[in-house]
Every structure is written in C-alpha cells, then in structure tokens.
Amino acid sequence: MNSVSASQRVGLHLQQGVRACDVEPAVAQGSRSWLLFEVDGQPCGVDSRQVRQILRPSGLSNLPGHNPYCAGLLVWQEIVLVVLDLGFCLGKRASLNQSKSRLLVCQGPTHTWALAVDAVRGFHRDSALAPESIPVSPGLSPPWNAMFALLPLASAPGGEVCALLHAPALWHGCLAVMSEFSAAADARLHVLPEFET
C-alpha cells in the first residue's frame, strides 16, 4: 500500500498555497461519505460534505453567447450561481437535459457553484479511504486533475470503478477548460478591417 496519506494525495492536485485540510476536511480527517453520480455512464463521487443541495435542472438563466461548458446561472438562496455542465467539461456528452439530470450545489472554502450531472446514484459511506481504492498520480489535464483515487464499487455488477473527485479542484479545472474554449472562440471571430488596430 502507498505510504502517502489521502490528504497528501489530494494536496498534490490543489493549486499552490491551498492545503487539503482547508478545503477537503473529509479527506484530511479520514472519514468518508461520497455522493455518487454519473457523467456519460461514468460513475463519479465527491465528498458529500461539499454538496449543499441536489436540485432538478429548472430555473436556469442562459448567458449571452454560447459556451457549452456553462449551462447558465441559477438563483439559489438569493445567491447567483454559475452552473457548469460537467459532461462537457470532462470531454463527454452534455449532462444537462438528460432524463435524470440533476444540479449539485457545491460549497468550497470561498464560493458556491453548481454542477450539472447526468444522474445522482446516492451515497457511499466508509470510515477511511478503503485499501482497495487506487490512488491516482497527479499530472492529468484539467478538469481530470481533480481525480485523486478510483473506488471499486462492490455493489455494482461488472466491477464498476468510481472516479473520486476533489470538488474545489474540479471547479478550477472546469473553469480552465471553459476559458480555453472562450479564448479559442474569440480567436475565431472575424475582425473587420476598419476595426483593426
């Protein structure tokens, strides 16, 4: 078994200056409750303490322009939240508008946001990162860099494996992918000769 603790593995995926114990108390303290969900058939999980509410995808306000990574804005408890489509962000099909789509309202150390996912499976509880969990080395491109372990789901037929994701790192990774899309879209805009500088 790897001698690196769970909180240290998560810490490898965070931006410089952010400590795992500051943003992922469940990892740092060793207790576990995962909210399991699907993105294009792939089971994923985040620390359930980072999820404030699960909503049906209604009441979204569209943003001007078209960015498939951003599903829109949502007013939640008098706060305007950005809603990211996790399917698009992970390079898969859109999560919004699937028959069982849900919005996960997530809470980080400094802000709240929402993720559109294909479906919510429920909760998985354990007391510590199980020995059968497979640590993932850092170095994946955003937003997959938020994945720090794989959890075999014993209850699932066919030996499914769940990608355990660090919620704040997932948010930052999705924003990075979204900003790359926006920059590429801006580069494709035609500039009229009279407006060139």
Protein backbone atom coordinates (compact mmCIF):
# COMPACT_ATOMS: atom_id res chain seq x y z
CA MET A 1 0.00 0.00 0.00
CA ASN A 2 1.18 3.53 -0.77
CA SER A 3 2.59 5.33 2.29
CA VAL A 4 1.24 8.72 1.13
CA SER A 5 -1.86 9.74 3.11
CA ALA A 6 -5.17 10.53 1.43
CA SER A 7 -4.90 14.22 2.31
CA GLN A 8 -1.41 14.37 0.81
CA ARG A 9 -2.65 12.77 -2.44
CA VAL A 10 -5.46 15.34 -2.65
CA GLY A 11 -2.98 18.10 -1.82
CA LEU A 12 -0.99 17.18 -4.92
CA HIS A 13 -3.98 18.20 -7.05
CA LEU A 14 -4.54 21.62 -5.49
CA GLN A 15 -3.27 25.00 -6.59
CA GLN A 16 -0.12 26.20 -4.87
CA GLY A 17 -0.80 27.68 -1.44
CA VAL A 18 -4.05 25.75 -0.81
CA ARG A 19 -3.89 22.96 1.79
CA ALA A 20 -6.01 19.82 1.57
CA CYS A 21 -7.20 20.21 5.17
CA ASP A 22 -8.54 23.70 4.31
CA VAL A 23 -10.82 22.55 1.51
CA GLU A 24 -11.45 18.85 1.97
CA PRO A 25 -11.98 18.11 5.68
CA ALA A 26 -13.29 14.60 4.98
CA VAL A 27 -10.03 13.63 3.31
CA ALA A 28 -7.83 15.28 5.90
CA GLN A 29 -9.72 13.67 8.81
CA GLY A 30 -10.14 10.25 7.21
CA SER A 31 -13.94 9.94 7.46
CA ARG A 32 -15.87 9.35 4.25
CA SER A 33 -19.28 9.93 2.78
CA TRP A 34 -19.33 10.20 -1.00
CA LEU A 35 -22.16 11.47 -3.16
CA LEU A 36 -22.10 9.22 -6.23
CA PHE A 37 -23.32 10.46 -9.61
CA GLU A 38 -22.92 9.70 -13.32
CA VAL A 39 -21.39 11.57 -16.21
CA ASP A 40 -21.97 9.83 -19.57
CA GLY A 41 -22.20 6.46 -17.81
CA GLN A 42 -19.00 7.01 -15.75
CA PRO A 43 -19.63 6.78 -12.00
CA CYS A 44 -18.03 9.65 -10.10
CA GLY A 45 -18.06 10.78 -6.50
CA VAL A 46 -17.38 13.90 -4.45
CA ASP A 47 -17.23 14.38 -0.69
CA SER A 48 -20.88 14.67 0.34
CA ARG A 49 -20.00 17.44 2.82
CA GLN A 50 -19.14 19.66 -0.13
CA VAL A 51 -22.62 19.25 -1.66
CA ARG A 52 -25.17 21.61 -0.16
CA GLN A 53 -28.21 20.56 -2.20
CA ILE A 54 -29.30 18.43 -5.16
CA LEU A 55 -31.78 20.16 -7.48
CA ARG A 56 -33.74 19.41 -10.61
CA PRO A 57 -32.40 21.50 -13.50
CA SER A 58 -35.11 24.12 -13.75
CA GLY A 59 -34.98 27.89 -13.46
CA LEU A 60 -31.65 28.30 -15.24
CA SER A 61 -30.94 31.62 -16.93
CA ASN A 62 -28.96 31.45 -20.14
CA LEU A 63 -25.87 33.57 -20.60
CA PRO A 64 -25.31 35.67 -23.75
CA GLY A 65 -23.32 33.82 -26.39
CA HIS A 66 -22.96 30.06 -26.45
CA ASN A 67 -20.49 28.29 -24.22
CA PRO A 68 -21.47 24.62 -23.86
CA TYR A 69 -19.39 24.30 -20.68
CA CYS A 70 -21.57 26.81 -18.83
CA ALA A 71 -25.20 25.71 -18.58
CA GLY A 72 -26.25 29.12 -17.26
CA LEU A 73 -26.94 30.88 -14.00
CA LEU A 74 -29.10 29.74 -11.10
CA VAL A 75 -30.50 31.78 -8.22
CA TRP A 76 -30.10 29.64 -5.12
CA GLN A 77 -30.93 31.02 -1.65
CA GLU A 78 -30.65 34.58 -3.00
CA ILE A 79 -27.17 33.87 -4.45
CA VAL A 80 -26.46 33.75 -8.19
CA LEU A 81 -24.51 30.59 -9.01
CA VAL A 82 -22.63 29.64 -12.17
CA VAL A 83 -23.80 26.23 -13.40
CA LEU A 84 -21.15 24.19 -15.21
CA ASP A 85 -22.07 21.21 -17.40
CA LEU A 86 -19.76 18.51 -16.05
CA GLY A 87 -20.25 16.29 -19.10
CA PHE A 88 -18.87 18.94 -21.47
CA CYS A 89 -16.12 19.89 -19.02
CA LEU A 90 -14.91 16.28 -18.81
CA GLY A 91 -14.92 15.92 -22.61
CA LYS A 92 -18.05 13.78 -22.71
CA ARG A 93 -21.63 14.41 -23.83
CA ALA A 94 -23.66 17.15 -22.19
CA SER A 95 -25.04 16.32 -18.75
CA LEU A 96 -27.85 18.85 -18.87
CA ASN A 97 -31.12 17.75 -20.49
CA GLN A 98 -30.59 14.05 -19.77
CA SER A 99 -33.68 12.32 -18.43
CA LYS A 100 -32.33 12.18 -14.85
CA SER A 101 -30.13 15.31 -14.90
CA ARG A 102 -29.52 16.98 -11.58
CA LEU A 103 -27.67 20.05 -10.32
CA LEU A 104 -25.22 19.61 -7.46
CA VAL A 105 -24.84 22.82 -5.46
CA CYS A 106 -21.25 22.60 -4.20
CA GLN A 107 -19.58 24.63 -1.47
CA GLY A 108 -15.87 25.39 -1.48
CA PRO A 109 -13.83 27.36 1.04
CA THR A 110 -14.61 30.71 -0.63
CA HIS A 111 -17.52 30.28 -3.04
CA THR A 112 -20.52 28.21 -4.09
CA TRP A 113 -21.27 26.87 -7.58
CA ALA A 114 -23.42 24.23 -9.29
CA LEU A 115 -22.55 21.26 -11.49
CA ALA A 116 -24.95 19.64 -13.94
CA VAL A 117 -24.58 15.84 -13.85
CA ASP A 118 -26.41 13.08 -15.74
CA ALA A 119 -27.90 11.39 -12.67
CA VAL A 120 -27.38 11.01 -8.93
CA ARG A 121 -26.84 7.44 -7.69
CA GLY A 122 -26.87 8.02 -3.94
CA PHE A 123 -24.35 7.89 -1.12
CA HIS A 124 -21.39 5.64 -0.40
CA ARG A 125 -20.08 5.63 3.15
CA ASP A 126 -16.89 4.27 4.63
CA SER A 127 -14.67 5.20 7.59
CA ALA A 128 -11.42 5.79 5.72
CA LEU A 129 -10.02 5.61 2.21
CA ALA A 130 -10.53 1.90 1.63
CA PRO A 131 -7.43 -0.23 0.94
CA GLU A 132 -8.96 -1.29 -2.38
CA SER A 133 -9.02 2.35 -3.52
CA ILE A 134 -6.48 3.08 -6.19
CA PRO A 135 -4.59 6.36 -5.79
CA VAL A 136 -4.22 8.41 -8.98
CA SER A 137 -0.96 10.18 -9.68
CA PRO A 138 -1.14 13.91 -10.39
CA GLY A 139 -0.47 15.21 -13.88
CA LEU A 140 -3.79 14.71 -15.65
CA SER A 141 -5.07 17.68 -17.63
CA PRO A 142 -7.89 19.81 -16.20
CA PRO A 143 -10.51 19.04 -15.07
CA TRP A 144 -9.47 15.39 -14.76
CA ASN A 145 -6.68 16.60 -12.45
CA ALA A 146 -9.39 16.72 -9.76
CA MET A 147 -9.44 12.90 -9.69
CA PHE A 148 -7.31 11.62 -6.82
CA ALA A 149 -8.49 8.00 -6.44
CA LEU A 150 -10.54 5.24 -8.03
CA LEU A 151 -13.02 3.37 -5.88
CA PRO A 152 -14.21 -0.08 -6.97
CA LEU A 153 -17.94 -0.36 -6.35
CA ALA A 154 -18.51 -3.79 -4.87
CA SER A 155 -22.29 -3.45 -5.13
CA ALA A 156 -22.15 -2.71 -8.86
CA PRO A 157 -22.32 -5.54 -11.40
CA GLY A 158 -19.36 -5.92 -13.73
CA GLY A 159 -16.79 -4.34 -11.42
CA GLU A 160 -17.54 -0.66 -11.94
CA VAL A 161 -14.93 1.82 -10.75
CA CYS A 162 -15.90 5.25 -9.43
CA ALA A 163 -13.67 8.29 -10.05
CA LEU A 164 -13.30 10.18 -6.76
CA LEU A 165 -13.06 13.89 -7.47
CA HIS A 166 -11.85 16.77 -5.33
CA ALA A 167 -14.67 19.33 -5.65
CA PRO A 168 -12.66 22.62 -5.48
CA ALA A 169 -10.03 21.27 -7.90
CA LEU A 170 -12.88 20.15 -10.19
CA TRP A 171 -14.30 23.69 -10.17
CA HIS A 172 -10.93 25.23 -11.06
CA GLY A 173 -10.31 22.59 -13.75
CA CYS A 174 -13.72 23.21 -15.35
CA LEU A 175 -13.06 26.95 -15.36
CA ALA A 176 -9.70 26.35 -17.05
CA VAL A 177 -11.34 24.27 -19.80
CA MET A 178 -14.12 26.84 -20.17
CA SER A 179 -11.65 29.73 -20.52
CA GLU A 180 -9.69 27.82 -23.19
CA PHE A 181 -12.95 27.39 -25.15
CA SER A 182 -13.73 31.11 -24.81
CA ALA A 183 -10.23 32.11 -25.93
CA ALA A 184 -10.49 29.83 -28.98
CA ALA A 185 -13.93 31.23 -29.80
CA ASP A 186 -12.60 34.80 -29.53
CA ALA A 187 -9.72 33.90 -31.85
CA ARG A 188 -12.22 32.68 -34.49
CA LEU A 189 -14.13 35.97 -34.53
CA HIS A 190 -13.72 37.83 -37.78
CA VAL A 191 -12.22 41.29 -37.34
CA LEU A 192 -13.40 43.83 -39.87
CA PRO A 193 -10.52 45.80 -41.45
CA GLU A 194 -11.87 49.13 -40.25
CA PHE A 195 -11.68 47.92 -36.63
CA GLU A 196 -8.12 46.56 -36.77
CA THR A 197 -5.59 48.49 -34.74
